Amino acid sequence: MRKIIIVFIIVFIGYTGYQIFKPQPAPIPDSEADLILFWGNGCPHCETVKDYISQNKLDTKFKISQKEVYYNKTNQKQLEDTVKLCSEVDISQGIGVPLGYDVKNKLCLPGSDTIIQWLKK
């Protein structure tokens, strides 16, 4: 029983270390992106979009720049500036995430359903 626990601990530490130190893909410059995805850490609707992208390998079909906005003030400011360009987004109640920005067409995509529909095109 003791050996099983030791093996479990070693595997757990190895897996945790890998998750922390695994190579991250290079960020895509906004000027080269097809879509800028503004998301918040812990946002379930944001996770829906991110899972859809991952499950369908859409990051190989589109250049997607992902910006976390809950904890990153630079990204928050960029989200605020981006939304000012979009008359189709009602910000009277605040700015919500997820929010996609179609760089080519200069179009905001508010909400997970709208973003996923854009990705399906």
Foldseek 3Di string as FASTA:
>chain_A
DVVVVVVVVVVVVVVVVCVVPPDDDDADPPVQFQKEWEAEVPDPQSVVLVVVCVVVVLVVVTRYGYHHQPPDPVSVVVVVVLVVQEPVDDQPVHDDDGWMARVVVSYIQHTNVSVVVVSVD
